[in-house]
Amino acid sequence: MSLNHYFTNPIVMLAYYFWNRISKTDRLGILRALDKSQYYDIERLRSIQLKKMRNVIKNAFHSSPFWQEKFKDIGLEEGDIEGLVSTDKIPKLTREDVINNKDRIVSGAFSKDELTENVSGGTTGSSLSYYLSRHRIDYRSASTLRHNLWTSYRIGDRLATVWGAPADMESHRSLRTKMRDIFWGASINFDSNIVTDDAVRKFAREWDRFRPEILLAYSGAVDFFVNHARDMKLSFAPPRAIITSAEVLTPGARKNIEDFFEAEVFNRYGCREFSVIASECRYHNGLHINAETLLLEFEPVLEALDNRRHCRVLVTDLENLAFPFIRYELGDVVVLSDEEDRCPCGRNLPRIEEVGGRIMDYLKLPGGRYLSCTALTATCFPRARGIIQSRIVQKKIDKIIVQIVKNNDFDEESYNILKQDLAKVLGEGIELVFEFPEQIKRERSGKYRFVISEVAD
């Protein structure tokens, strides 16, 4: 693919090229390599993963005190590493492991002065910090660019964001980054933590002046924003594409967002620890995994009610030798795609069908059954009118609280429809308690969780 394909115009291309040279990064080179490798055959992609996986484990074996202890416990010898075809015999790495052992996990082959410390707040309330090498930062940026390009984005496009904390994002940007944004990446930002009439009107005026080509948004935040803007009878010039991330995108939310903005939604799965994990292409046939840089393992969640393959995710970072994330438990659940169903786009990157969210976003029901929030939103809530915002909170295995922020369209009929549909999906023996707060608060991260289970594993 020619370089022209990546940029809005030759001036932006020249500026980006020189910025890469001055910053001594190879993001453009990595991007071009990833553009090629996504079309490699499945066997070649698997071979690349295995080679990188062995390299990660070998590096950890020699230079990470934490992993040296773990490998000793399981009797792993250096000679065993070249014969590894999977990581399933390696102990899992938990969030608590990282919090309690950060300085023992980091590789002694790197000086901390040459590493960048990063922080993930997560959904548990306890922050987690870790290190990134310059090489890994370049790979993260290049991988994100590749997935952005699938949406029709080009470097230099004007962006708008509906995000949890744009001010927080701004504080992490250096002067060099802000200067760089003069040439590309200019954006307007809406803080989804502060959804007031005045804030929405101000953003509408900014949007009208700026005319962004791409909208990047928290899935739930932009859905809520759309409902608010529609009630205010505001309209927005359609962007070329919308990229949603950070929260579960329900079918109803996708349709709501696309109808309002008259633009196509491209869903994405990622996290702070690994950046982009998987993204949709233009065929929306599941999400393609960033397989050249991440190795994903899937552990089944038994007895999912919709009979699809719901699995917990374990991630091995194939590029961050400085801080070996090996079989890291994200706490996320995804639905696997049919391996025989090839995507028409021609990419051979493996896919996941759907992002189910955190395991805390699944209801654990009597008999060991699990129910995802997407199953609830697809089957129970569409028929009930007048719901502005909603949340399911599971306090006990047989008690579920349904919180509804309603408008005047929510009447007795809507209440009865919702109650009947929920009872039908949840089954017998579940106590339903309805609450009607004026608003439902987001988490400190700015994310919105539709389902919160206090009993799920």
Protein backbone atom coordinates (compact mmCIF):
# COMPACT_ATOMS: atom_id res chain seq x y z
CA MET A 1 0.00 0.00 0.00
CA SER A 2 1.39 3.43 -0.95
CA LEU A 3 2.20 6.01 1.72
CA ASN A 4 -0.40 8.36 0.21
CA HIS A 5 -3.12 6.02 1.49
CA TYR A 6 -2.25 6.85 5.11
CA PHE A 7 -2.49 10.64 4.92
CA THR A 8 -4.97 13.36 4.09
CA ASN A 9 -2.47 15.29 1.94
CA PRO A 10 1.25 15.44 1.03
CA ILE A 11 2.02 18.18 3.59
CA VAL A 12 0.75 16.02 6.45
CA MET A 13 2.68 13.04 5.05
CA LEU A 14 5.92 15.08 4.94
CA ALA A 15 5.37 16.44 8.47
CA TYR A 16 4.66 12.97 9.83
CA TYR A 17 7.71 11.51 8.10
CA PHE A 18 10.05 14.14 9.56
CA TRP A 19 8.45 13.85 12.99
CA ASN A 20 9.26 10.12 12.89
CA ARG A 21 12.86 10.91 11.96
CA ILE A 22 13.31 13.59 14.62
CA SER A 23 11.65 11.46 17.32
CA LYS A 24 13.71 8.43 16.27
CA THR A 25 10.62 6.26 16.02
CA ASP A 26 9.75 3.65 13.42
CA ARG A 27 5.98 3.86 13.62
CA LEU A 28 5.59 4.32 9.89
CA GLY A 29 7.78 1.30 9.16
CA ILE A 30 5.88 -0.82 11.69
CA LEU A 31 2.56 0.32 10.23
CA ARG A 32 3.61 -0.72 6.73
CA ALA A 33 4.77 -4.12 8.03
CA LEU A 34 1.47 -4.66 9.87
CA ASP A 35 -0.45 -3.69 6.75
CA LYS A 36 1.26 -6.59 4.96
CA SER A 37 1.18 -9.19 7.72
CA GLN A 38 -2.60 -8.92 8.25
CA TYR A 39 -3.02 -10.75 4.93
CA TYR A 40 -0.50 -13.52 5.68
CA ASP A 41 -1.96 -17.02 5.73
CA ILE A 42 -3.03 -18.43 9.09
CA GLU A 43 -0.03 -20.73 9.41
CA ARG A 44 2.44 -17.90 8.84
CA LEU A 45 0.70 -15.68 11.41
CA ARG A 46 0.76 -18.52 13.93
CA SER A 47 4.47 -19.05 13.26
CA ILE A 48 5.14 -15.36 13.94
CA GLN A 49 3.21 -15.58 17.20
CA LEU A 50 5.06 -18.68 18.38
CA LYS A 51 8.48 -17.18 17.64
CA LYS A 52 7.63 -13.99 19.51
CA MET A 53 6.01 -15.90 22.40
CA ARG A 54 9.16 -17.99 22.92
CA ASN A 55 11.26 -14.85 22.82
CA VAL A 56 9.10 -13.22 25.50
CA ILE A 57 9.37 -16.26 27.77
CA LYS A 58 13.12 -16.62 27.19
CA ASN A 59 13.66 -12.98 28.04
CA ALA A 60 11.56 -13.33 31.22
CA PHE A 61 13.43 -16.54 32.11
CA HIS A 62 16.76 -14.69 32.05
CA SER A 63 15.89 -11.24 33.35
CA SER A 64 12.63 -11.06 35.37
CA PRO A 65 12.96 -12.11 39.06
CA PHE A 66 9.19 -12.61 39.32
CA TRP A 67 9.03 -14.93 36.33
CA GLN A 68 12.24 -16.72 37.26
CA GLU A 69 10.56 -17.77 40.49
CA LYS A 70 7.36 -18.81 38.69
CA PHE A 71 9.27 -20.84 36.10
CA LYS A 72 11.31 -22.54 38.83
CA ASP A 73 8.08 -23.52 40.59
CA ILE A 74 6.81 -25.36 37.49
CA GLY A 75 10.21 -26.83 36.61
CA LEU A 76 10.61 -24.95 33.32
CA GLU A 77 14.16 -25.20 31.97
CA GLU A 78 15.71 -22.98 29.31
CA GLY A 79 15.88 -25.91 26.94
CA ASP A 80 12.11 -26.37 27.19
CA ILE A 81 11.32 -22.93 25.78
CA GLU A 82 12.12 -23.63 22.12
CA GLY A 83 9.69 -26.53 22.14
CA LEU A 84 6.75 -24.56 23.54
CA VAL A 85 3.74 -24.42 21.21
CA SER A 86 1.45 -22.68 23.70
CA THR A 87 1.59 -20.92 27.05
CA ASP A 88 -1.04 -23.07 28.74
CA LYS A 89 1.48 -24.57 31.20
CA ILE A 90 2.72 -21.14 32.29
CA PRO A 91 1.16 -19.67 35.47
CA LYS A 92 -1.34 -16.87 34.95
CA LEU A 93 -0.46 -13.28 35.77
CA THR A 94 -3.11 -11.43 37.78
CA ARG A 95 -3.75 -7.77 38.36
CA GLU A 96 -2.78 -8.27 42.01
CA ASP A 97 0.52 -9.84 40.89
CA VAL A 98 1.34 -6.70 38.92
CA ILE A 99 0.30 -4.34 41.72
CA ASN A 100 2.37 -6.21 44.32
CA ASN A 101 5.39 -7.18 42.19
CA LYS A 102 5.89 -4.41 39.61
CA ASP A 103 9.61 -3.96 40.25
CA ARG A 104 10.22 -7.73 40.28
CA ILE A 105 8.36 -8.28 36.99
CA VAL A 106 10.29 -5.63 35.05
CA SER A 107 13.13 -7.07 32.96
CA GLY A 108 16.67 -6.47 34.22
CA ALA A 109 17.78 -6.28 30.60
CA PHE A 110 16.37 -2.74 30.49
CA SER A 111 17.33 0.35 32.44
CA LYS A 112 14.28 1.99 34.01
CA ASP A 113 15.57 5.33 32.73
CA GLU A 114 14.83 4.17 29.18
CA LEU A 115 11.32 2.95 30.01
CA THR A 116 8.00 4.78 30.26
CA GLU A 117 5.80 4.12 33.27
CA ASN A 118 2.09 3.81 32.48
CA VAL A 119 -0.93 3.55 34.75
CA SER A 120 -4.23 1.71 34.34
CA GLY A 121 -7.09 2.60 36.65
CA GLY A 122 -9.27 -0.34 35.62
CA THR A 123 -12.69 -0.95 37.14
CA THR A 124 -11.61 -2.29 40.52
CA GLY A 125 -10.73 1.03 42.10
CA SER A 126 -7.05 0.16 42.54
CA SER A 127 -4.57 1.58 40.03
CA LEU A 128 -1.95 -0.56 38.36
CA SER A 129 1.35 0.71 37.00
CA TYR A 130 3.79 -0.98 34.64
CA TYR A 131 6.53 -0.13 32.15
CA LEU A 132 6.66 0.21 28.37
CA SER A 133 9.75 0.15 26.21
CA ARG A 134 10.13 2.68 23.40
CA HIS A 135 9.79 -0.22 20.97
CA ARG A 136 6.44 -1.23 22.52
CA ILE A 137 5.13 2.34 22.45
CA ASP A 138 5.89 2.51 18.73
CA TYR A 139 4.10 -0.80 18.15
CA ARG A 140 1.06 0.39 20.12
CA SER A 141 0.84 3.57 18.07
CA ALA A 142 1.32 1.77 14.76
CA SER A 143 -1.25 -0.89 15.66
CA THR A 144 -3.79 1.77 16.56
CA LEU A 145 -3.15 3.57 13.28
CA ARG A 146 -3.66 0.34 11.33
CA HIS A 147 -7.02 -0.26 12.96
CA ASN A 148 -8.01 3.39 12.50
CA LEU A 149 -7.29 3.12 8.79
CA TRP A 150 -9.88 0.35 8.49
CA THR A 151 -12.57 2.91 9.33
CA SER A 152 -11.60 5.34 6.49
CA TYR A 153 -9.52 7.45 8.91
CA ARG A 154 -6.44 9.13 7.45
CA ILE A 155 -3.62 10.78 9.38
CA GLY A 156 -4.52 14.46 9.38
CA ASP A 157 -8.28 13.98 9.72
CA ARG A 158 -10.12 16.21 12.17
CA LEU A 159 -11.28 14.26 15.23
CA ALA A 160 -14.01 14.66 17.80
CA THR A 161 -14.11 12.66 21.03
CA VAL A 162 -16.84 11.83 23.50
CA TRP A 163 -14.61 10.46 26.22
CA GLY A 164 -14.57 9.88 29.94
CA ALA A 165 -11.98 12.48 30.86
CA PRO A 166 -10.50 14.56 28.02
CA ALA A 167 -8.92 16.89 30.58
CA ASP A 168 -7.08 13.93 32.05
CA MET A 169 -5.94 12.91 28.57
CA GLU A 170 -4.77 16.47 27.95
CA SER A 171 -2.60 16.47 31.08
CA HIS A 172 -0.51 13.60 29.72
CA ARG A 173 0.33 15.37 26.47
CA SER A 174 3.76 16.91 26.20
CA LEU A 175 4.54 20.21 24.50
CA ARG A 176 6.04 18.26 21.59
CA THR A 177 2.78 16.33 21.24
CA LYS A 178 0.71 19.50 21.28
CA MET A 179 2.95 21.04 18.62
CA ARG A 180 2.64 17.86 16.56
CA ASP A 181 -1.16 18.16 16.69
CA ILE A 182 -0.94 21.44 14.81
CA PHE A 183 -0.04 19.39 11.72
CA TRP A 184 -2.28 16.38 12.34
CA GLY A 185 -4.62 15.01 14.97
CA ALA A 186 -6.45 18.27 15.75
CA SER A 187 -9.55 17.50 17.78
CA ILE A 188 -12.48 18.78 19.80
CA ASN A 189 -13.40 16.94 23.00
CA PHE A 190 -16.56 16.38 24.99
CA ASP A 191 -16.16 15.23 28.60
CA SER A 192 -18.86 12.59 29.03
CA ASN A 193 -18.70 12.97 32.80
CA ILE A 194 -20.41 16.36 32.47
CA VAL A 195 -23.54 15.97 30.36
CA THR A 196 -25.51 19.19 30.82
CA ASP A 197 -27.67 21.13 28.36
CA ASP A 198 -25.07 23.91 28.20
CA ALA A 199 -22.20 21.48 27.64
CA VAL A 200 -24.05 19.67 24.85
CA ARG A 201 -25.01 22.96 23.12
CA LYS A 202 -21.42 24.20 23.34
CA PHE A 203 -20.13 20.96 21.79
CA ALA A 204 -22.74 21.25 19.01
CA ARG A 205 -21.45 24.75 18.19
CA GLU A 206 -17.85 23.50 18.21
CA TRP A 207 -18.84 20.58 15.99
CA ASP A 208 -20.52 22.91 13.49
CA ARG A 209 -17.38 25.07 13.22
CA PHE A 210 -14.85 22.23 13.27
CA ARG A 211 -16.70 19.63 11.14
CA PRO A 212 -14.83 16.52 12.35
CA GLU A 213 -14.34 13.64 9.95
CA ILE A 214 -14.01 10.96 12.65
CA LEU A 215 -15.73 10.57 16.02
CA LEU A 216 -13.95 8.54 18.72
CA ALA A 217 -16.11 7.72 21.73
CA TYR A 218 -16.84 5.62 24.77
CA SER A 219 -19.63 3.33 23.56
CA GLY A 220 -22.06 3.94 26.40
CA ALA A 221 -21.13 7.61 26.75
CA VAL A 222 -21.92 8.49 23.15
CA ASP A 223 -25.17 6.52 23.31
CA PHE A 224 -26.22 8.58 26.34
CA PHE A 225 -24.99 11.77 24.65
CA VAL A 226 -27.11 10.98 21.56
CA ASN A 227 -30.24 10.55 23.65
CA HIS A 228 -29.59 13.86 25.37
CA ALA A 229 -28.88 15.71 22.11
CA ARG A 230 -31.96 14.22 20.45
CA ASP A 231 -34.18 15.36 23.32
CA MET A 232 -32.74 18.86 22.82
CA LYS A 233 -33.53 18.58 19.08
CA LEU A 234 -29.88 19.18 18.13
CA SER A 235 -28.29 17.85 14.95
CA PHE A 236 -24.69 17.21 13.93
CA ALA A 237 -23.12 17.12 10.48
CA PRO A 238 -22.34 13.43 9.80
CA PRO A 239 -18.73 12.35 10.35
CA ARG A 240 -17.23 9.83 7.93
CA ALA A 241 -17.00 7.16 10.63
CA ILE A 242 -17.44 6.57 14.35
CA ILE A 243 -15.01 4.49 16.44
CA THR A 244 -16.46 3.19 19.70
CA SER A 245 -14.41 1.66 22.48
CA ALA A 246 -13.87 1.31 26.26
CA GLU A 247 -17.40 0.03 27.03
CA VAL A 248 -19.70 -2.72 25.78
CA LEU A 249 -21.49 -1.68 22.58
CA THR A 250 -24.98 -3.13 22.55
CA PRO A 251 -26.91 -3.65 19.27
CA GLY A 252 -29.43 -1.05 20.38
CA ALA A 253 -26.72 1.50 21.14
CA ARG A 254 -25.06 0.90 17.76
CA LYS A 255 -28.31 1.55 15.91
CA ASN A 256 -29.07 4.59 18.04
CA ILE A 257 -25.66 6.15 17.37
CA GLU A 258 -25.65 5.35 13.65
CA ASP A 259 -29.17 6.69 13.14
CA PHE A 260 -28.41 9.96 14.92
CA PHE A 261 -25.05 10.73 13.28
CA GLU A 262 -25.89 9.05 9.95
CA ALA A 263 -22.48 7.41 10.03
CA GLU A 264 -21.07 3.89 10.36
CA VAL A 265 -19.90 2.64 13.77
CA PHE A 266 -16.66 0.62 14.03
CA ASN A 267 -16.38 -1.09 17.39
CA ARG A 268 -13.04 -1.68 19.10
CA TYR A 269 -11.78 -3.71 22.04
CA GLY A 270 -8.77 -2.51 23.97
CA CYS A 271 -7.35 -1.62 27.35
CA ARG A 272 -4.65 0.60 28.81
CA GLU A 273 -2.23 -2.29 29.34
CA PHE A 274 -2.22 -3.39 25.69
CA SER A 275 -3.87 -0.60 23.70
CA VAL A 276 -5.89 -2.00 20.75
CA ILE A 277 -6.71 -5.69 21.14
CA ALA A 278 -9.25 -6.17 18.33
CA SER A 279 -11.28 -4.05 15.91
CA GLU A 280 -14.01 -4.28 13.33
CA CYS A 281 -13.29 -3.91 9.63
CA ARG A 282 -15.82 -2.51 7.15
CA TYR A 283 -17.67 -5.84 6.99
CA HIS A 284 -18.44 -5.78 10.75
CA ASN A 285 -17.99 -9.54 10.81
CA GLY A 286 -16.57 -9.70 14.33
CA LEU A 287 -13.42 -7.97 15.57
CA HIS A 288 -10.01 -8.82 14.13
CA ILE A 289 -7.41 -9.51 16.82
CA ASN A 290 -4.11 -7.62 16.78
CA ALA A 291 -2.40 -11.00 16.49
CA GLU A 292 1.10 -9.89 15.48
CA THR A 293 1.59 -8.14 18.82
CA LEU A 294 -0.73 -10.02 21.19
CA LEU A 295 -1.36 -13.70 21.87
CA LEU A 296 -4.86 -14.32 23.23
CA GLU A 297 -6.04 -17.44 25.05
CA PHE A 298 -9.67 -18.18 25.82
CA GLU A 299 -11.07 -20.01 28.84
CA PRO A 300 -14.76 -20.99 28.48
CA VAL A 301 -17.37 -19.52 30.80
CA LEU A 302 -19.64 -22.48 31.36
CA GLU A 303 -23.38 -22.48 30.86
CA ALA A 304 -23.79 -19.19 29.00
CA LEU A 305 -27.51 -18.89 28.32
CA ASP A 306 -27.34 -18.05 24.62
CA ASN A 307 -25.28 -21.18 23.77
CA ARG A 308 -22.48 -19.15 22.20
CA ARG A 309 -18.84 -19.57 23.23
CA HIS A 310 -18.34 -17.02 26.00
CA CYS A 311 -14.72 -17.06 27.17
CA ARG A 312 -12.47 -15.23 29.60
CA VAL A 313 -9.43 -13.62 27.99
CA LEU A 314 -5.75 -14.17 28.83
CA VAL A 315 -3.23 -11.92 27.03
CA THR A 316 0.48 -12.30 26.36
CA ASP A 317 2.15 -9.15 25.07
CA LEU A 318 4.51 -10.24 22.30
CA GLU A 319 6.38 -6.94 22.03
CA ASN A 320 6.86 -5.57 25.56
CA LEU A 321 10.02 -7.40 26.63
CA ALA A 322 10.66 -4.73 29.26
CA PHE A 323 7.65 -5.80 31.31
CA PRO A 324 6.58 -9.38 30.55
CA PHE A 325 2.80 -9.57 30.52
CA ILE A 326 2.43 -13.34 30.12
CA ARG A 327 -1.04 -14.94 30.34
CA TYR A 328 -2.40 -11.80 31.96
CA GLU A 329 -5.95 -12.12 33.27
CA LEU A 330 -7.83 -9.11 32.02
CA GLY A 331 -11.09 -10.11 33.68
CA ASP A 332 -12.83 -9.62 30.32
CA VAL A 333 -15.23 -11.97 28.57
CA VAL A 334 -15.65 -12.24 24.80
CA VAL A 335 -17.76 -14.35 22.46
CA LEU A 336 -15.67 -16.37 20.00
CA SER A 337 -16.31 -16.37 16.26
CA ASP A 338 -16.76 -19.44 14.12
CA GLU A 339 -13.23 -20.24 12.95
CA GLU A 340 -14.54 -21.60 9.66
CA ASP A 341 -16.33 -18.34 8.86
CA ARG A 342 -13.71 -16.29 7.00
CA CYS A 343 -14.06 -12.53 6.79
CA PRO A 344 -14.69 -11.16 3.26
CA CYS A 345 -12.05 -8.44 3.86
CA GLY A 346 -9.33 -11.02 3.21
CA ARG A 347 -7.47 -10.48 6.49
CA ASN A 348 -6.47 -13.69 8.21
CA LEU A 349 -6.19 -12.17 11.67
CA PRO A 350 -8.29 -14.29 14.07
CA ARG A 351 -11.55 -12.75 15.22
CA ILE A 352 -13.83 -12.53 18.19
CA GLU A 353 -17.55 -12.21 17.54
CA GLU A 354 -18.43 -9.85 20.35
CA VAL A 355 -17.02 -8.14 23.42
CA GLY A 356 -19.08 -9.20 26.42
CA GLY A 357 -17.38 -6.92 28.92
CA ARG A 358 -15.88 -7.65 32.31
CA ILE A 359 -16.85 -10.83 34.10
CA MET A 360 -18.57 -8.43 36.55
CA ASP A 361 -20.78 -7.43 33.59
CA TYR A 362 -22.26 -10.94 33.49
CA LEU A 363 -25.08 -12.03 35.75
CA LYS A 364 -24.39 -15.30 37.51
CA LEU A 365 -27.72 -17.09 37.88
CA PRO A 366 -28.81 -20.17 39.85
CA GLY A 367 -27.55 -23.43 38.38
CA GLY A 368 -24.26 -21.91 37.21
CA ARG A 369 -25.82 -20.02 34.30
CA TYR A 370 -24.34 -16.73 33.03
CA LEU A 371 -26.13 -13.94 31.19
CA SER A 372 -24.34 -11.14 29.36
CA CYS A 373 -25.47 -7.53 29.31
CA THR A 374 -25.82 -7.66 25.50
CA ALA A 375 -28.30 -10.53 25.87
CA LEU A 376 -30.37 -8.37 28.23
CA THR A 377 -30.29 -5.24 26.10
CA ALA A 378 -31.13 -7.14 22.93
CA THR A 379 -34.12 -9.01 24.38
CA CYS A 380 -35.62 -7.01 27.25
CA PHE A 381 -35.18 -3.26 26.96
CA PRO A 382 -36.05 -2.38 23.33
CA ARG A 383 -39.82 -2.86 23.81
CA ALA A 384 -40.14 -0.57 26.83
CA ARG A 385 -40.59 3.12 26.01
CA GLY A 386 -39.30 6.09 27.96
CA ILE A 387 -36.02 4.68 29.26
CA ILE A 388 -33.25 7.30 29.19
CA GLN A 389 -30.67 5.28 31.07
CA SER A 390 -30.65 1.95 32.87
CA ARG A 391 -28.46 -0.31 34.97
CA ILE A 392 -28.75 -3.84 36.36
CA VAL A 393 -27.20 -4.42 39.80
CA GLN A 394 -27.00 -7.96 41.14
CA LYS A 395 -26.68 -7.99 44.93
CA LYS A 396 -27.32 -11.70 45.46
CA ILE A 397 -27.60 -14.65 43.11
CA ASP A 398 -31.40 -14.49 43.39
CA LYS A 399 -31.88 -10.71 43.74
CA ILE A 400 -31.48 -8.16 40.94
CA ILE A 401 -32.02 -4.42 41.15
CA VAL A 402 -33.18 -2.68 37.96
CA GLN A 403 -32.37 1.04 37.94
CA ILE A 404 -34.27 3.16 35.41
CA VAL A 405 -33.85 6.84 34.58
CA LYS A 406 -37.15 7.56 32.83
CA ASN A 407 -39.00 10.30 31.01
CA ASN A 408 -42.74 10.88 30.60
CA ASP A 409 -43.06 8.11 28.01
CA PHE A 410 -42.28 5.48 30.63
CA ASP A 411 -45.73 4.40 31.82
CA GLU A 412 -47.38 1.41 33.47
CA GLU A 413 -47.34 -0.49 30.19
CA SER A 414 -43.57 0.01 29.78
CA TYR A 415 -43.03 -1.11 33.37
CA ASN A 416 -45.07 -4.30 32.87
CA ILE A 417 -43.40 -5.13 29.53
CA LEU A 418 -39.92 -4.73 31.02
CA LYS A 419 -40.78 -6.73 34.12
CA GLN A 420 -42.28 -9.59 32.09
CA ASP A 421 -39.40 -9.71 29.59
CA LEU A 422 -36.77 -9.71 32.35
CA ALA A 423 -38.58 -12.44 34.27
CA LYS A 424 -38.77 -14.55 31.11
CA VAL A 425 -35.04 -14.25 30.37
CA LEU A 426 -33.83 -14.57 33.97
CA GLY A 427 -36.01 -17.53 34.83
CA GLU A 428 -37.81 -18.48 38.04
CA GLY A 429 -36.63 -17.73 41.53
CA ILE A 430 -35.21 -14.25 40.82
CA GLU A 431 -36.44 -11.29 42.86
CA LEU A 432 -36.66 -8.12 40.75
CA VAL A 433 -36.50 -4.75 42.51
CA PHE A 434 -37.08 -1.58 40.45
CA GLU A 435 -35.54 1.77 41.37
CA PHE A 436 -36.03 5.10 39.58
CA PRO A 437 -33.11 7.46 40.34
CA GLU A 438 -32.77 10.85 38.66
CA GLN A 439 -29.39 9.87 37.25
CA ILE A 440 -26.96 6.93 37.18
CA LYS A 441 -23.41 7.91 37.92
CA ARG A 442 -20.44 6.74 35.90
CA GLU A 443 -17.32 5.24 37.40
CA ARG A 444 -14.28 7.36 38.23
CA SER A 445 -12.73 6.34 34.92
CA GLY A 446 -15.68 7.90 33.10
CA LYS A 447 -16.89 4.50 31.93
CA TYR A 448 -20.49 3.36 32.22
CA ARG A 449 -21.38 -0.21 33.16
CA PHE A 450 -24.85 -1.43 32.26
CA VAL A 451 -24.54 -4.56 34.43
CA ILE A 452 -22.78 -4.79 37.79
CA SER A 453 -22.76 -8.20 39.41
CA GLU A 454 -21.47 -8.48 42.96
CA VAL A 455 -21.65 -12.29 42.85
CA ALA A 456 -20.02 -13.15 39.49
CA ASP A 457 -16.65 -14.91 39.67
